[in-house]
Amino acid sequence: MSCKFSIKTKQDIAETYQIALREIERFGASYNGDANGGNFELEVLGMRFKGTIQVKSNIIVVNLTDKPMLVPCSLIESSVKSYVDTLQ
């Protein structure tokens, strides 16, 4: 089941990218890409999430291509946006 949402960054996208790389490493996620986008994979509490990221100006488009069926997209989106707000 796929899930797609956008995040508007408050600062320069290059700065946002550096913050994202730091957080990816902190959470033990894998990321294959650059500042324009790429693929990611993350395991949280035994649940696996996979997807893609595209960067369009100061908008980050997240497309989860694989997620636990019982975790609703709305919960993931609100959690990610809330977390990103604390980083900006």
C-alpha atoms as a PDB file:
ATOM      1  CA  MET A   1       0.000   0.000   0.000  1.00  0.00           C
ATOM      2  CA  SER A   2       1.452   3.323  -1.083  1.00  0.00           C
ATOM      3  CA  CYS A   3       1.259   6.636   0.739  1.00  0.00           C
ATOM      4  CA  LYS A   4       2.259  10.038  -0.653  1.00  0.00           C
ATOM      5  CA  PHE A   5       2.582  13.437   1.022  1.00  0.00           C
ATOM      6  CA  SER A   6       4.531  16.705   0.770  1.00  0.00           C
ATOM      7  CA  ILE A   7       6.551  18.650   3.315  1.00  0.00           C
ATOM      8  CA  LYS A   8       7.306  22.351   2.868  1.00  0.00           C
ATOM      9  CA  THR A   9      10.681  23.307   4.301  1.00  0.00           C
ATOM     10  CA  LYS A  10      11.201  26.544   6.178  1.00  0.00           C
ATOM     11  CA  GLN A  11      14.874  26.952   5.335  1.00  0.00           C
ATOM     12  CA  ASP A  12      17.150  26.558   2.362  1.00  0.00           C
ATOM     13  CA  ILE A  13      16.818  23.114   0.755  1.00  0.00           C
ATOM     14  CA  ALA A  14      20.600  22.540   0.959  1.00  0.00           C
ATOM     15  CA  GLU A  15      20.447  23.062   4.732  1.00  0.00           C
ATOM     16  CA  THR A  16      17.396  20.804   4.949  1.00  0.00           C
ATOM     17  CA  TYR A  17      19.278  18.105   3.023  1.00  0.00           C
ATOM     18  CA  GLN A  18      22.187  18.214   5.476  1.00  0.00           C
ATOM     19  CA  ILE A  19      19.769  17.919   8.410  1.00  0.00           C
ATOM     20  CA  ALA A  20      18.044  15.003   6.677  1.00  0.00           C
ATOM     21  CA  LEU A  21      21.345  13.175   6.137  1.00  0.00           C
ATOM     22  CA  ARG A  22      22.180  13.591   9.826  1.00  0.00           C
ATOM     23  CA  GLU A  23      18.783  12.225  10.867  1.00  0.00           C
ATOM     24  CA  ILE A  24      18.970   9.320   8.397  1.00  0.00           C
ATOM     25  CA  GLU A  25      22.247   8.275   9.969  1.00  0.00           C
ATOM     26  CA  ARG A  26      20.887   8.747  13.497  1.00  0.00           C
ATOM     27  CA  PHE A  27      17.927   6.443  12.821  1.00  0.00           C
ATOM     28  CA  GLY A  28      19.992   3.848  10.942  1.00  0.00           C
ATOM     29  CA  ALA A  29      18.055   4.307   7.724  1.00  0.00           C
ATOM     30  CA  SER A  30      19.542   3.721   4.310  1.00  0.00           C
ATOM     31  CA  TYR A  31      19.353   6.404   1.628  1.00  0.00           C
ATOM     32  CA  ASN A  32      20.499   6.190  -1.967  1.00  0.00           C
ATOM     33  CA  GLY A  33      20.283   9.537  -3.702  1.00  0.00           C
ATOM     34  CA  ASP A  34      21.300  13.161  -3.565  1.00  0.00           C
ATOM     35  CA  ALA A  35      19.793  16.574  -2.750  1.00  0.00           C
ATOM     36  CA  ASN A  36      17.293  16.135  -5.615  1.00  0.00           C
ATOM     37  CA  GLY A  37      15.825  12.901  -4.274  1.00  0.00           C
ATOM     38  CA  GLY A  38      16.351   9.201  -3.973  1.00  0.00           C
ATOM     39  CA  ASN A  39      15.244   5.977  -2.287  1.00  0.00           C
ATOM     40  CA  PHE A  40      15.122   5.176   1.404  1.00  0.00           C
ATOM     41  CA  GLU A  41      14.534   2.211   3.681  1.00  0.00           C
ATOM     42  CA  LEU A  42      13.938   2.379   7.415  1.00  0.00           C
ATOM     43  CA  GLU A  43      13.019  -0.069  10.147  1.00  0.00           C
ATOM     44  CA  VAL A  44      11.220   1.255  13.237  1.00  0.00           C
ATOM     45  CA  LEU A  45      10.072  -1.036  16.049  1.00  0.00           C
ATOM     46  CA  GLY A  46      10.352  -4.028  13.743  1.00  0.00           C
ATOM     47  CA  MET A  47       8.286  -2.340  11.001  1.00  0.00           C
ATOM     48  CA  ARG A  48       9.838  -1.714   7.601  1.00  0.00           C
ATOM     49  CA  PHE A  49       9.212   1.418   5.550  1.00  0.00           C
ATOM     50  CA  LYS A  50      10.485   1.953   1.989  1.00  0.00           C
ATOM     51  CA  GLY A  51       9.937   4.761  -0.432  1.00  0.00           C
ATOM     52  CA  THR A  52      11.202   7.588  -2.547  1.00  0.00           C
ATOM     53  CA  ILE A  53      11.836  11.274  -1.986  1.00  0.00           C
ATOM     54  CA  GLN A  54      11.693  13.992  -4.638  1.00  0.00           C
ATOM     55  CA  VAL A  55      12.747  17.575  -4.016  1.00  0.00           C
ATOM     56  CA  LYS A  56      10.943  20.334  -5.889  1.00  0.00           C
ATOM     57  CA  SER A  57      12.213  23.778  -4.843  1.00  0.00           C
ATOM     58  CA  ASN A  58      11.427  23.907  -1.102  1.00  0.00           C
ATOM     59  CA  ILE A  59       8.898  21.046  -1.217  1.00  0.00           C
ATOM     60  CA  ILE A  60       9.883  17.480  -0.331  1.00  0.00           C
ATOM     61  CA  VAL A  61       7.560  14.836  -1.784  1.00  0.00           C
ATOM     62  CA  VAL A  62       7.610  11.552   0.147  1.00  0.00           C
ATOM     63  CA  ASN A  63       6.146   8.452  -1.486  1.00  0.00           C
ATOM     64  CA  LEU A  64       6.040   5.391   0.772  1.00  0.00           C
ATOM     65  CA  THR A  65       5.964   2.362  -1.479  1.00  0.00           C
ATOM     66  CA  ASP A  66       6.066  -0.196   1.324  1.00  0.00           C
ATOM     67  CA  LYS A  67       4.715   0.224   4.844  1.00  0.00           C
ATOM     68  CA  PRO A  68       2.975  -1.888   7.469  1.00  0.00           C
ATOM     69  CA  MET A  69      -0.659  -2.349   6.479  1.00  0.00           C
ATOM     70  CA  LEU A  70      -1.948  -1.496   9.958  1.00  0.00           C
ATOM     71  CA  VAL A  71      -0.185   1.880  10.105  1.00  0.00           C
ATOM     72  CA  PRO A  72      -2.373   4.517   8.410  1.00  0.00           C
ATOM     73  CA  CYS A  73      -0.848   7.036   6.011  1.00  0.00           C
ATOM     74  CA  SER A  74      -2.358   9.888   8.012  1.00  0.00           C
ATOM     75  CA  LEU A  75      -0.442   8.807  11.132  1.00  0.00           C
ATOM     76  CA  ILE A  76       2.837   8.539   9.221  1.00  0.00           C
ATOM     77  CA  GLU A  77       2.327  11.912   7.536  1.00  0.00           C
ATOM     78  CA  SER A  78       1.444  13.748  10.752  1.00  0.00           C
ATOM     79  CA  SER A  79       4.329  12.102  12.639  1.00  0.00           C
ATOM     80  CA  VAL A  80       6.901  12.944   9.959  1.00  0.00           C
ATOM     81  CA  LYS A  81       5.673  16.545   9.579  1.00  0.00           C
ATOM     82  CA  SER A  82       5.657  17.057  13.336  1.00  0.00           C
ATOM     83  CA  TYR A  83       9.195  15.674  13.595  1.00  0.00           C
ATOM     84  CA  VAL A  84      10.454  17.803  10.697  1.00  0.00           C
ATOM     85  CA  ASP A  85       8.982  20.925  12.359  1.00  0.00           C
ATOM     86  CA  THR A  86      11.150  20.274  15.421  1.00  0.00           C
ATOM     87  CA  LEU A  87      14.264  20.181  13.222  1.00  0.00           C
ATOM     88  CA  GLN A  88      13.645  23.463  11.400  1.00  0.00           C
END
